[in-house]
Every structure is written in C-alpha cells, then in structure tokens.
C-alpha cells in the first residue's frame, strides 16, 4: 500500500494542497460569517466563489499560464463587488502565493514577467478595495509576492540548467559509447587483417610442403598422392577464401600487406625508435626465450609497440622499462614508465590505445592490466598463454 501511495503523493501533492486550501477557505467563510470583517456577499456565493477561484489551479497542467492568471484576475475583479472576500480567507492567501509561484516557474520568461505584473496589479487592486487596508499592505504584500515569484523563477532556471547538463552528459556518453564501439570494430578488423597474413603464411607452407612430398612419391603410391592432392587443393581454396574475407575488411585505400609481420625479435627496433624520440628505454628478457606461435608473437610485439608509442606521445615520461618474461606456458610483457600515464583513447601508432590492447589480448585468452604503478608512473602488464 505504501509503495502505491508514494508515487501518487509525489505526482499529485500540489493538487492535494489546492483542494485542502479550497475546502479550508470555504470553512473559514462559513465559520466566520458573523465576523465584523466577513464578506458582505451572500454566504453561498462567497463559498462557491472561494472554492472555484482556488480549484482553478487544478488545471495548471493543461493551462500553465492561464490557470494562475485566471485566479489572480478573478480575485481582483471580485474585490470591486466585495472588498472583504479575498482578504478574509487565509487559505485563499496561501492559494494566491501558490499561483504566484506557478507563474514564476513558467518556462516562457515573457509569460512569467507578464504574470508578475498581473500579480502586483491584482494585489494593489485588492488592497485598495479592502475597507480596513493599511498603507503598509501596499508595500509589504508586493514585496512578499515578488520574493515568491523570484523563488519559482530561480528554481525553474536551475532545473533547466540541470536538465540541460543531464542531456549533454547523456549525449556525450552516447557519443563515447559509439566511438568505443567503432574503435573496437576497427581494431578487430585490423587484427583480422594482420592475422590473415600469419595464418595465410602457415597455410601456404603446408600447401607447399604437401606439394613437395607429393612429387617425391613413387608411382605405386596412388592413395598417398590423392590424399596430398586433396591437402594442396584445400589449402589453395582456404587461401583464396581468406583473401576474399579480408578484402571485405580492408579500406578502399589500403593495399594488401606484402612485408612479413613483425615479432618480438624486432623489439630492439621499437626501442631504438623510442630512444631516437628522446625516451631512454631499457629492455630485459627473463627466462628461456622460446619460439612463439606466430599470432601470439605478433600480438606481443603490437602490445610493446602500443605501450612505448603512447608513453612517448602522451605520458610525459623521462624513462621506460620493457620486461619480456618467458615461462609457465606463457609470455609476459611488462612496460613501465615514470610518466603520468595515458588515456584509453586513440593512440598515435594507428591503434586505439588500451581498447586495441584489450582486443588483441582477448583473442588469445590472455590477461591485461594497466594503470598507475605503486611507486609512481604508469605500468602495463600483459600475459599471453602459449597453449
């Protein structure tokens, strides 16, 4: 029951206050009908008018400008007939304050200013028609209602700024998500193009070896010859299909890569490039270097390349260390520097920073950790299983 009641209260709390004020105003008139300052109009008319003038605020959703304006105009108009009717009810006074707040809270500033002028004019008319009014009312009441109007006006402007900020944040987040998805898709296509060369080389070697063995067979080894011909034909077909598939992933301006794909054996070249750019780099190899699968070897090289490039371009570091560790069925890479780190955005090397690194490591079921180092600087650690 509480769960159902709370949304209703949150949605219609102002309407409930309007109804309460209307009923309270009617009760005030009925109870005080014999008071010396009581309205001079017939009791039934006074009660009906008081309730109708207040309940008109219930239509504020459909008529946000017209409903509170109608209340203020009606109050000023009836004061020419009965000067005590409006000032007599305190509930009516609260309703007028609510109408003033609604006028100040209008999104249309021109309507809000017109509403303020109407409120002040209505107040001056009502006070001037009240038999027992004092001169202080001509000053105090306009000031009070101006403060209420300013409160509504300021609150609305603040809410507008908050909504605008939320919209900008949502738009920025959507753009960032779209850029991240595009970066992931582009990096995956780039990885696929590179792995095509690795796998294509392996298939080519298998096909050539099968062709060589077939040519060495004796004439009576017909079954073996047929099996090797199937291997050759299947290998050639696989290479052709791979070329078509990767051709779809290439950009129109890209040409097929003819040079061999790099590996960890070329890390010294990366180090020399970093040193030429002004970044001292030390390389340390731990464990017994083993021959890595071609795809893992390429991925390890790209990780070191991306890390060093980002360090040179973005980290503001004065030195960097590269550790290549072999053992436990995996190769582990550790690149650290004494800089401030780099963002998860695009790197200058043509990849996409940590996004691309994560994609490459995920292909081989590896692990990637990147972040500030305990002693300062930035550290990237990647582990690629060899199985």
Foldseek 3Di string as FASTA:
>chain_A
DVVVVVVVCVVCVVVVLLQVLLVQLLVLQVVCVVPPLHWPDPSVVLSVLSNVLSNLCVCCVVVLLPSLLSSLVSLLVCLVVTLSSQVSRPSSVVSNLVSLLSLLQDPDVVSSVVSLVSNLVSQVSSQVSHPPHDPVSNPVVNVVSVVSSVVSNVVNVVVVVVVVVVVVVVVVVVVVVVVLVVQLVLLVLVLLLLVLLQVLVVLVVLLVVLVVVLVPDDPVPVVSNVVSVVSNVVSVVVNVVSVVVNVVSDDPPDDRDDDRQDFPVCVVVLQVVLVVLQEAEEEEEEDDDDDARPLLRNLVSVVSNLVSQCCSPPFPFRYKYWYWYDDPQKIKIKIWTQGNDDDQACTPVPHGRVSSNVSSQVVQPKDWDWDADPVHTIMIMIIGGRD
